[in-house]
Structures are given as structure tokens and as C-alpha cells.
Amino acid sequence: MSPLQILFLLLALSTALNLAVAAGLLTHRSGAGIPQAILTGAGAAATTLGIYLAAVAAYG
């Protein structure tokens, strides 16, 4: 892996974690419990990374 590819992978990970935290906080503030908020955030992170890795596989 080139340094540029590693940088983009870290950027995708950072984006996924930011989206996961935002989704979890939004879910918790809307009245759901903490377990549901964690599951929602984890689902958002997995979806974000899945889309990124699918794009890498398609174009890489």
C-alpha cells in the first residue's frame, strides 16, 4: 500500500467514526436507550466503511 492509500483509508475511518458518533447521539437524544444508540452508530459506521471499501474494490 502506498502512503496515499493509507491516508485515504484513515480518512474513511475517521469519517465513519464521526458519522457513527453523530448517529448514536442523535438516536439517544431522540429518546432511544443507550444500547439502541450504540447499535445505530455501529450500523452507520459499518455502512459507511462498506460503501468505501466497495468503491475501492470497484475502482481499484
Protein backbone atom coordinates (compact mmCIF):
# COMPACT_ATOMS: atom_id res chain seq x y z
CA MET A 1 0.00 0.00 0.00
CA SER A 2 1.21 3.45 -0.85
CA PRO A 3 1.21 6.24 1.74
CA LEU A 4 -1.57 7.96 -0.20
CA GLN A 5 -3.78 4.87 0.01
CA ILE A 6 -3.15 4.60 3.74
CA LEU A 7 -4.04 8.27 4.15
CA PHE A 8 -7.34 7.77 2.30
CA LEU A 9 -8.11 4.69 4.40
CA LEU A 10 -7.52 6.66 7.60
CA LEU A 11 -9.71 9.46 6.25
CA ALA A 12 -12.50 6.97 5.54
CA LEU A 13 -12.14 5.52 9.05
CA SER A 14 -12.31 8.99 10.58
CA THR A 15 -15.41 9.84 8.56
CA ALA A 16 -17.08 6.58 9.55
CA LEU A 17 -16.37 7.17 13.24
CA ASN A 18 -17.68 10.74 13.07
CA LEU A 19 -20.88 9.56 11.39
CA ALA A 20 -21.26 6.76 13.93
CA VAL A 21 -20.96 9.13 16.88
CA ALA A 22 -23.37 11.61 15.31
CA ALA A 23 -25.92 8.87 14.56
CA GLY A 24 -25.59 7.43 18.06
CA LEU A 25 -26.02 10.80 19.75
CA LEU A 26 -28.98 11.69 17.55
CA THR A 27 -30.62 8.35 18.31
CA HIS A 28 -30.05 8.70 22.05
CA ARG A 29 -31.37 12.27 22.12
CA SER A 30 -34.50 11.22 20.27
CA GLY A 31 -35.48 9.04 23.20
CA ALA A 32 -33.95 5.64 22.46
CA GLY A 33 -31.88 3.84 25.04
CA ILE A 34 -28.11 3.61 25.07
CA PRO A 35 -27.99 0.06 23.60
CA GLN A 36 -30.14 1.10 20.66
CA ALA A 37 -27.98 4.21 20.13
CA ILE A 38 -24.81 2.09 20.12
CA LEU A 39 -26.31 -0.32 17.60
CA THR A 40 -27.42 2.54 15.38
CA GLY A 41 -23.98 4.12 15.49
CA ALA A 42 -22.28 0.82 14.76
CA GLY A 43 -24.60 0.24 11.83
CA ALA A 44 -23.82 3.69 10.45
CA ALA A 45 -20.06 3.05 10.76
CA ALA A 46 -20.33 -0.36 9.11
CA THR A 47 -22.41 1.03 6.25
CA THR A 48 -20.01 3.91 5.67
CA LEU A 49 -16.96 1.65 5.61
CA GLY A 50 -18.80 -0.89 3.46
CA ILE A 51 -19.59 1.74 0.84
CA TYR A 52 -15.99 2.98 0.88
CA LEU A 53 -14.50 -0.50 0.57
CA ALA A 54 -16.94 -1.41 -2.20
CA ALA A 55 -15.85 1.69 -4.11
CA VAL A 56 -12.20 0.77 -3.60
CA ALA A 57 -12.87 -2.75 -4.88
CA ALA A 58 -14.78 -1.45 -7.92
CA TYR A 59 -12.26 1.19 -8.95
CA GLY A 60 -9.04 -0.29 -7.54
